[in-house]
PDB file of N, CA and C in Angstrom:
ATOM      1  N   MET A   1      -7.250  -4.956 -33.379  1.00  0.00           N
ATOM      2  CA  MET A   1      -6.858  -5.185 -31.777  1.00  0.00           C
ATOM      3  C   MET A   1      -6.905  -3.791 -30.404  1.00  0.00           C
ATOM      4  N   PRO A   2      -7.829  -3.950 -29.764  1.00  0.00           N
ATOM      5  CA  PRO A   2      -7.823  -3.680 -28.578  1.00  0.00           C
ATOM      6  C   PRO A   2      -6.179  -2.969 -27.816  1.00  0.00           C
ATOM      7  N   GLY A   3      -6.247  -1.793 -27.105  1.00  0.00           N
ATOM      8  CA  GLY A   3      -4.980  -1.318 -26.701  1.00  0.00           C
ATOM      9  C   GLY A   3      -5.283   0.213 -26.689  1.00  0.00           C
ATOM     10  N   GLY A   4      -6.427   1.025 -27.492  1.00  0.00           N
ATOM     11  CA  GLY A   4      -6.633   2.318 -27.209  1.00  0.00           C
ATOM     12  C   GLY A   4      -5.813   2.603 -28.386  1.00  0.00           C
ATOM     13  N   LYS A   5      -5.476   4.046 -28.099  1.00  0.00           N
ATOM     14  CA  LYS A   5      -4.681   4.730 -29.418  1.00  0.00           C
ATOM     15  C   LYS A   5      -3.458   5.114 -29.404  1.00  0.00           C
ATOM     16  N   ALA A   6      -2.749   4.540 -28.046  1.00  0.00           N
ATOM     17  CA  ALA A   6      -1.495   4.840 -27.684  1.00  0.00           C
ATOM     18  C   ALA A   6       0.054   4.180 -28.810  1.00  0.00           C
ATOM     19  N   LYS A   7       0.885   5.219 -29.290  1.00  0.00           N
ATOM     20  CA  LYS A   7       1.610   4.621 -30.066  1.00  0.00           C
ATOM     21  C   LYS A   7       2.574   3.375 -29.461  1.00  0.00           C
ATOM     22  N   VAL A   8       3.024   2.254 -30.197  1.00  0.00           N
ATOM     23  CA  VAL A   8       3.689   1.288 -29.213  1.00  0.00           C
ATOM     24  C   VAL A   8       4.546   0.727 -30.411  1.00  0.00           C
ATOM     25  N   ASP A   9       5.879   0.756 -29.574  1.00  0.00           N
ATOM     26  CA  ASP A   9       7.138   0.445 -30.217  1.00  0.00           C
ATOM     27  C   ASP A   9       7.372  -1.332 -30.133  1.00  0.00           C
ATOM     28  N   LYS A  10       6.858  -1.784 -29.557  1.00  0.00           N
ATOM     29  CA  LYS A  10       7.060  -3.276 -29.380  1.00  0.00           C
ATOM     30  C   LYS A  10       5.921  -3.879 -28.555  1.00  0.00           C
ATOM     31  N   THR A  11       5.943  -5.310 -29.506  1.00  0.00           N
ATOM     32  CA  THR A  11       4.518  -5.850 -28.871  1.00  0.00           C
ATOM     33  C   THR A  11       4.791  -7.326 -28.770  1.00  0.00           C
ATOM     34  N   LEU A  12       4.435  -7.469 -27.390  1.00  0.00           N
ATOM     35  CA  LEU A  12       4.999  -8.989 -26.598  1.00  0.00           C
ATOM     36  C   LEU A  12       3.762  -9.810 -26.949  1.00  0.00           C
ATOM     37  N   ASP A  13       3.791 -10.781 -27.997  1.00  0.00           N
ATOM     38  CA  ASP A  13       2.761 -11.789 -27.299  1.00  0.00           C
ATOM     39  C   ASP A  13       2.733 -13.057 -26.555  1.00  0.00           C
ATOM     40  N   VAL A  14       1.963 -13.422 -25.403  1.00  0.00           N
ATOM     41  CA  VAL A  14       2.544 -14.053 -24.250  1.00  0.00           C
ATOM     42  C   VAL A  14       1.481 -14.903 -24.536  1.00  0.00           C
ATOM     43  N   ARG A  15       0.363 -15.013 -25.264  1.00  0.00           N
ATOM     44  CA  ARG A  15      -0.257 -15.916 -24.742  1.00  0.00           C
ATOM     45  C   ARG A  15      -0.048 -17.710 -24.745  1.00  0.00           C
ATOM     46  N   GLY A  16      -0.525 -18.243 -23.732  1.00  0.00           N
ATOM     47  CA  GLY A  16      -0.398 -19.632 -23.909  1.00  0.00           C
ATOM     48  C   GLY A  16       0.449 -19.616 -22.248  1.00  0.00           C
ATOM     49  N   LEU A  17       0.968 -18.245 -21.643  1.00  0.00           N
ATOM     50  CA  LEU A  17       2.169 -18.363 -20.927  1.00  0.00           C
ATOM     51  C   LEU A  17       1.258 -18.462 -19.613  1.00  0.00           C
ATOM     52  N   VAL A  18       1.871 -19.090 -18.581  1.00  0.00           N
ATOM     53  CA  VAL A  18       1.304 -18.996 -17.099  1.00  0.00           C
ATOM     54  C   VAL A  18       1.889 -18.479 -16.514  1.00  0.00           C
ATOM     55  N   CYS A  19       0.958 -17.768 -14.782  1.00  0.00           N
ATOM     56  CA  CYS A  19       2.132 -16.792 -14.222  1.00  0.00           C
ATOM     57  C   CYS A  19       3.550 -17.717 -13.628  1.00  0.00           C
ATOM     58  N   PRO A  20       4.169 -17.307 -13.170  1.00  0.00           N
ATOM     59  CA  PRO A  20       4.700 -15.932 -13.698  1.00  0.00           C
ATOM     60  C   PRO A  20       5.570 -15.779 -14.612  1.00  0.00           C
ATOM     61  N   ARG A  21       5.519 -17.061 -15.930  1.00  0.00           N
ATOM     62  CA  ARG A  21       6.383 -15.764 -16.946  1.00  0.00           C
ATOM     63  C   ARG A  21       6.004 -15.313 -18.183  1.00  0.00           C
ATOM     64  N   PRO A  22       4.515 -14.475 -18.091  1.00  0.00           N
ATOM     65  CA  PRO A  22       4.312 -13.772 -18.774  1.00  0.00           C
ATOM     66  C   PRO A  22       4.685 -12.068 -18.253  1.00  0.00           C
ATOM     67  N   LYS A  23       4.828 -11.896 -16.793  1.00  0.00           N
ATOM     68  CA  LYS A  23       4.961 -11.283 -16.319  1.00  0.00           C
ATOM     69  C   LYS A  23       6.433 -10.802 -16.230  1.00  0.00           C
ATOM     70  N   VAL A  24       7.471 -12.008 -15.981  1.00  0.00           N
ATOM     71  CA  VAL A  24       8.718 -12.291 -16.240  1.00  0.00           C
ATOM     72  C   VAL A  24       9.006 -11.718 -17.873  1.00  0.00           C
ATOM     73  N   ILE A  25       8.584 -12.117 -18.745  1.00  0.00           N
ATOM     74  CA  ILE A  25       9.430 -11.939 -19.719  1.00  0.00           C
ATOM     75  C   ILE A  25       9.103 -10.415 -20.073  1.00  0.00           C
ATOM     76  N   ALA A  26       7.947  -9.846 -20.039  1.00  0.00           N
ATOM     77  CA  ALA A  26       7.498  -8.654 -19.989  1.00  0.00           C
ATOM     78  C   ALA A  26       8.319  -7.140 -18.948  1.00  0.00           C
ATOM     79  N   GLU A  27       8.594  -8.007 -18.423  1.00  0.00           N
ATOM     80  CA  GLU A  27       9.649  -7.253 -17.484  1.00  0.00           C
ATOM     81  C   GLU A  27      11.243  -7.187 -18.066  1.00  0.00           C
ATOM     82  N   HIS A  28      11.538  -8.426 -18.517  1.00  0.00           N
ATOM     83  CA  HIS A  28      13.237  -8.082 -19.280  1.00  0.00           C
ATOM     84  C   HIS A  28      12.935  -7.385 -20.400  1.00  0.00           C
ATOM     85  N   THR A  29      11.929  -7.410 -20.906  1.00  0.00           N
ATOM     86  CA  THR A  29      11.646  -6.683 -22.129  1.00  0.00           C
ATOM     87  C   THR A  29      11.499  -5.284 -22.300  1.00  0.00           C
ATOM     88  N   LEU A  30      10.999  -4.923 -20.999  1.00  0.00           N
ATOM     89  CA  LEU A  30      11.009  -3.476 -20.639  1.00  0.00           C
ATOM     90  C   LEU A  30      12.171  -2.792 -20.494  1.00  0.00           C
ATOM     91  N   GLU A  31      12.853  -3.689 -19.485  1.00  0.00           N
ATOM     92  CA  GLU A  31      14.522  -3.575 -19.416  1.00  0.00           C
ATOM     93  C   GLU A  31      15.387  -3.355 -20.646  1.00  0.00           C
ATOM     94  N   LYS A  32      15.165  -3.588 -21.746  1.00  0.00           N
ATOM     95  CA  LYS A  32      15.905  -3.423 -22.448  1.00  0.00           C
ATOM     96  C   LYS A  32      15.581  -2.411 -23.881  1.00  0.00           C
ATOM     97  N   MET A  33      14.307  -2.107 -23.468  1.00  0.00           N
ATOM     98  CA  MET A  33      13.814  -0.974 -24.210  1.00  0.00           C
ATOM     99  C   MET A  33      14.055   0.521 -23.643  1.00  0.00           C
ATOM    100  N   ALA A  34      14.441   1.700 -24.595  1.00  0.00           N
ATOM    101  CA  ALA A  34      14.607   2.911 -24.626  1.00  0.00           C
ATOM    102  C   ALA A  34      13.472   3.803 -22.703  1.00  0.00           C
ATOM    103  N   SER A  35      13.707   4.425 -22.575  1.00  0.00           N
ATOM    104  CA  SER A  35      13.153   5.322 -21.438  1.00  0.00           C
ATOM    105  C   SER A  35      11.999   6.310 -22.719  1.00  0.00           C
ATOM    106  N   GLY A  36      10.831   5.850 -22.181  1.00  0.00           N
ATOM    107  CA  GLY A  36       9.491   6.443 -23.263  1.00  0.00           C
ATOM    108  C   GLY A  36       9.242   5.704 -24.380  1.00  0.00           C
ATOM    109  N   GLN A  37       9.633   4.337 -24.511  1.00  0.00           N
ATOM    110  CA  GLN A  37       8.921   3.751 -25.404  1.00  0.00           C
ATOM    111  C   GLN A  37       7.807   2.410 -24.727  1.00  0.00           C
ATOM    112  N   SER A  38       7.051   2.079 -25.542  1.00  0.00           N
ATOM    113  CA  SER A  38       5.758   1.656 -24.987  1.00  0.00           C
ATOM    114  C   SER A  38       5.825   0.319 -25.691  1.00  0.00           C
ATOM    115  N   LEU A  39       5.494  -0.558 -24.748  1.00  0.00           N
ATOM    116  CA  LEU A  39       5.240  -2.176 -24.770  1.00  0.00           C
ATOM    117  C   LEU A  39       3.721  -2.911 -24.601  1.00  0.00           C
ATOM    118  N   CYS A  40       3.234  -3.425 -25.717  1.00  0.00           N
ATOM    119  CA  CYS A  40       2.032  -3.765 -25.470  1.00  0.00           C
ATOM    120  C   CYS A  40       1.901  -5.337 -25.545  1.00  0.00           C
ATOM    121  N   VAL A  41       1.824  -5.741 -24.374  1.00  0.00           N
ATOM    122  CA  VAL A  41       1.904  -6.940 -23.671  1.00  0.00           C
ATOM    123  C   VAL A  41       0.235  -7.709 -24.419  1.00  0.00           C
ATOM    124  N   ILE A  42       0.132  -8.965 -24.697  1.00  0.00           N
ATOM    125  CA  ILE A  42      -0.628  -9.598 -25.223  1.00  0.00           C
ATOM    126  C   ILE A  42      -0.725 -11.112 -24.554  1.00  0.00           C
ATOM    127  N   THR A  43      -1.638 -11.524 -23.390  1.00  0.00           N
ATOM    128  CA  THR A  43      -1.778 -12.581 -22.950  1.00  0.00           C
ATOM    129  C   THR A  43      -3.250 -13.233 -22.753  1.00  0.00           C
ATOM    130  N   ASN A  44      -3.075 -14.283 -22.226  1.00  0.00           N
ATOM    131  CA  ASN A  44      -4.780 -14.710 -21.871  1.00  0.00           C
ATOM    132  C   ASN A  44      -4.437 -15.168 -20.481  1.00  0.00           C
ATOM    133  N   ASP A  45      -3.790 -15.212 -19.825  1.00  0.00           N
ATOM    134  CA  ASP A  45      -3.458 -15.396 -17.913  1.00  0.00           C
ATOM    135  C   ASP A  45      -4.103 -14.884 -17.676  1.00  0.00           C
ATOM    136  N   MET A  46      -5.129 -14.632 -16.721  1.00  0.00           N
ATOM    137  CA  MET A  46      -6.314 -14.002 -16.024  1.00  0.00           C
ATOM    138  C   MET A  46      -5.565 -13.394 -14.839  1.00  0.00           C
ATOM    139  N   SER A  47      -4.402 -14.032 -14.229  1.00  0.00           N
ATOM    140  CA  SER A  47      -3.745 -13.562 -13.509  1.00  0.00           C
ATOM    141  C   SER A  47      -2.870 -12.273 -13.263  1.00  0.00           C
ATOM    142  N   THR A  48      -2.817 -12.056 -15.188  1.00  0.00           N
ATOM    143  CA  THR A  48      -2.040 -10.723 -15.540  1.00  0.00           C
ATOM    144  C   THR A  48      -2.290  -9.315 -14.993  1.00  0.00           C
ATOM    145  N   LYS A  49      -3.496  -9.784 -14.351  1.00  0.00           N
ATOM    146  CA  LYS A  49      -4.628  -8.477 -14.527  1.00  0.00           C
ATOM    147  C   LYS A  49      -4.148  -7.547 -13.014  1.00  0.00           C
ATOM    148  N   GLN A  50      -3.420  -8.635 -12.526  1.00  0.00           N
ATOM    149  CA  GLN A  50      -2.867  -8.008 -11.199  1.00  0.00           C
ATOM    150  C   GLN A  50      -1.257  -7.892 -11.679  1.00  0.00           C
ATOM    151  N   SER A  51      -0.592  -8.835 -11.750  1.00  0.00           N
ATOM    152  CA  SER A  51       0.740  -9.031 -11.641  1.00  0.00           C
ATOM    153  C   SER A  51       1.100  -7.757 -12.635  1.00  0.00           C
ATOM    154  N   ILE A  52       0.874  -7.577 -13.453  1.00  0.00           N
ATOM    155  CA  ILE A  52       1.112  -6.694 -14.813  1.00  0.00           C
ATOM    156  C   ILE A  52       1.277  -5.579 -14.314  1.00  0.00           C
ATOM    157  N   PRO A  53      -0.033  -4.953 -13.920  1.00  0.00           N
ATOM    158  CA  PRO A  53      -0.013  -3.501 -12.751  1.00  0.00           C
ATOM    159  C   PRO A  53       0.413  -3.476 -11.543  1.00  0.00           C
ATOM    160  N   LEU A  54       1.042  -4.208 -10.984  1.00  0.00           N
ATOM    161  CA  LEU A  54       1.884  -4.087  -9.881  1.00  0.00           C
ATOM    162  C   LEU A  54       3.243  -4.088 -10.421  1.00  0.00           C
ATOM    163  N   LEU A  55       3.918  -4.880 -11.494  1.00  0.00           N
ATOM    164  CA  LEU A  55       4.973  -4.504 -12.077  1.00  0.00           C
ATOM    165  C   LEU A  55       5.387  -3.478 -12.746  1.00  0.00           C
ATOM    166  N   CYS A  56       4.608  -2.531 -13.025  1.00  0.00           N
ATOM    167  CA  CYS A  56       4.762  -0.775 -13.682  1.00  0.00           C
ATOM    168  C   CYS A  56       4.979  -0.547 -11.954  1.00  0.00           C
ATOM    169  N   GLU A  57       3.513  -0.759 -11.289  1.00  0.00           N
ATOM    170  CA  GLU A  57       3.903   0.132  -9.741  1.00  0.00           C
ATOM    171  C   GLU A  57       5.534   0.616  -9.425  1.00  0.00           C
ATOM    172  N   SER A  58       5.647  -1.401  -8.765  1.00  0.00           N
ATOM    173  CA  SER A  58       6.693  -1.225  -8.331  1.00  0.00           C
ATOM    174  C   SER A  58       7.879  -1.078  -9.126  1.00  0.00           C
ATOM    175  N   LEU A  59       8.266  -0.567 -10.381  1.00  0.00           N
ATOM    176  CA  LEU A  59       9.516  -0.464 -11.395  1.00  0.00           C
ATOM    177  C   LEU A  59       9.531   1.104 -12.196  1.00  0.00           C
ATOM    178  N   GLY A  60       8.120   1.624 -11.563  1.00  0.00           N
ATOM    179  CA  GLY A  60       8.093   2.720 -12.200  1.00  0.00           C
ATOM    180  C   GLY A  60       7.124   3.271 -13.727  1.00  0.00           C
ATOM    181  N   TYR A  61       6.971   2.356 -13.945  1.00  0.00           N
ATOM    182  CA  TYR A  61       6.264   2.197 -15.385  1.00  0.00           C
ATOM    183  C   TYR A  61       4.573   2.521 -15.436  1.00  0.00           C
ATOM    184  N   GLU A  62       4.442   3.687 -16.770  1.00  0.00           N
ATOM    185  CA  GLU A  62       3.336   3.809 -16.941  1.00  0.00           C
ATOM    186  C   GLU A  62       2.381   2.839 -17.427  1.00  0.00           C
ATOM    187  N   MET A  63       1.322   2.948 -17.157  1.00  0.00           N
ATOM    188  CA  MET A  63       0.234   1.521 -17.562  1.00  0.00           C
ATOM    189  C   MET A  63      -0.740   2.971 -18.763  1.00  0.00           C
ATOM    190  N   LEU A  64      -0.410   2.384 -20.127  1.00  0.00           N
ATOM    191  CA  LEU A  64      -1.158   3.295 -20.815  1.00  0.00           C
ATOM    192  C   LEU A  64      -2.710   2.814 -20.766  1.00  0.00           C
ATOM    193  N   ASP A  65      -3.149   1.848 -21.269  1.00  0.00           N
ATOM    194  CA  ASP A  65      -4.173   1.252 -21.185  1.00  0.00           C
ATOM    195  C   ASP A  65      -4.060  -0.496 -21.110  1.00  0.00           C
ATOM    196  N   CYS A  66      -5.187  -0.674 -20.128  1.00  0.00           N
ATOM    197  CA  CYS A  66      -5.278  -1.889 -20.029  1.00  0.00           C
ATOM    198  C   CYS A  66      -6.846  -2.459 -20.979  1.00  0.00           C
ATOM    199  N   SER A  67      -6.666  -3.625 -21.432  1.00  0.00           N
ATOM    200  CA  SER A  67      -8.474  -3.934 -21.871  1.00  0.00           C
ATOM    201  C   SER A  67      -8.291  -5.266 -22.201  1.00  0.00           C
ATOM    202  N   MET A  68      -9.470  -5.697 -22.040  1.00  0.00           N
ATOM    203  CA  MET A  68      -9.513  -6.935 -22.756  1.00  0.00           C
ATOM    204  C   MET A  68     -10.991  -7.318 -23.820  1.00  0.00           C
ATOM    205  N   ASP A  69     -10.432  -8.261 -24.605  1.00  0.00           N
ATOM    206  CA  ASP A  69     -11.465  -8.187 -26.058  1.00  0.00           C
ATOM    207  C   ASP A  69     -11.689 -10.359 -25.939  1.00  0.00           C
ATOM    208  N   GLY A  70     -12.655 -10.879 -25.781  1.00  0.00           N
ATOM    209  CA  GLY A  70     -12.536 -12.691 -25.985  1.00  0.00           C
ATOM    210  C   GLY A  70     -11.994 -13.237 -24.878  1.00  0.00           C
ATOM    211  N   GLY A  71     -11.687 -13.055 -23.822  1.00  0.00           N
ATOM    212  CA  GLY A  71     -10.838 -13.565 -22.814  1.00  0.00           C
ATOM    213  C   GLY A  71      -9.281 -13.853 -23.264  1.00  0.00           C
ATOM    214  N   VAL A  72      -8.897 -12.366 -23.843  1.00  0.00           N
ATOM    215  CA  VAL A  72      -7.388 -12.061 -24.349  1.00  0.00           C
ATOM    216  C   VAL A  72      -7.026 -10.690 -23.634  1.00  0.00           C
ATOM    217  N   LEU A  73      -6.181 -10.368 -22.509  1.00  0.00           N
ATOM    218  CA  LEU A  73      -5.558  -9.172 -22.353  1.00  0.00           C
ATOM    219  C   LEU A  73      -4.611  -8.330 -22.834  1.00  0.00           C
ATOM    220  N   TYR A  74      -4.985  -6.899 -23.277  1.00  0.00           N
ATOM    221  CA  TYR A  74      -3.879  -6.187 -23.662  1.00  0.00           C
ATOM    222  C   TYR A  74      -3.423  -4.775 -22.592  1.00  0.00           C
ATOM    223  N   PHE A  75      -2.563  -5.310 -22.580  1.00  0.00           N
ATOM    224  CA  PHE A  75      -1.305  -3.949 -21.614  1.00  0.00           C
ATOM    225  C   PHE A  75      -0.284  -2.917 -22.744  1.00  0.00           C
ATOM    226  N   THR A  76      -0.993  -1.814 -22.356  1.00  0.00           N
ATOM    227  CA  THR A  76       0.197  -0.949 -23.213  1.00  0.00           C
ATOM    228  C   THR A  76       1.126  -0.156 -21.740  1.00  0.00           C
ATOM    229  N   ILE A  77       2.178  -0.470 -21.873  1.00  0.00           N
ATOM    230  CA  ILE A  77       2.919   0.169 -20.796  1.00  0.00           C
ATOM    231  C   ILE A  77       3.994   1.208 -21.523  1.00  0.00           C
ATOM    232  N   ARG A  78       4.354   2.248 -21.124  1.00  0.00           N
ATOM    233  CA  ARG A  78       5.425   2.989 -21.534  1.00  0.00           C
ATOM    234  C   ARG A  78       6.302   3.088 -20.456  1.00  0.00           C
ATOM    235  N   LYS A  79       7.685   2.719 -20.758  1.00  0.00           N
ATOM    236  CA  LYS A  79       8.860   2.720 -19.988  1.00  0.00           C
ATOM    237  C   LYS A  79       9.257   3.702 -19.663  1.00  0.00           C
TER     238      LYS A  79
END
């Protein structure tokens, strides 16, 4: 799986869901995680290329990695 070498504490597979569901689910998942933990979000909704980085920016989360493989996007985010 793409996503660099960052340690991942939780994986969220939201393939098949469309905007705004992947972003909303990722936000709710991150809210429940401890500070410093990392989340890998897997999605095939191309609108998340903008919405997930904006989520990180607005809430102060760190985007560790963003990659794409065969139409699937992988975001690794540190809370």
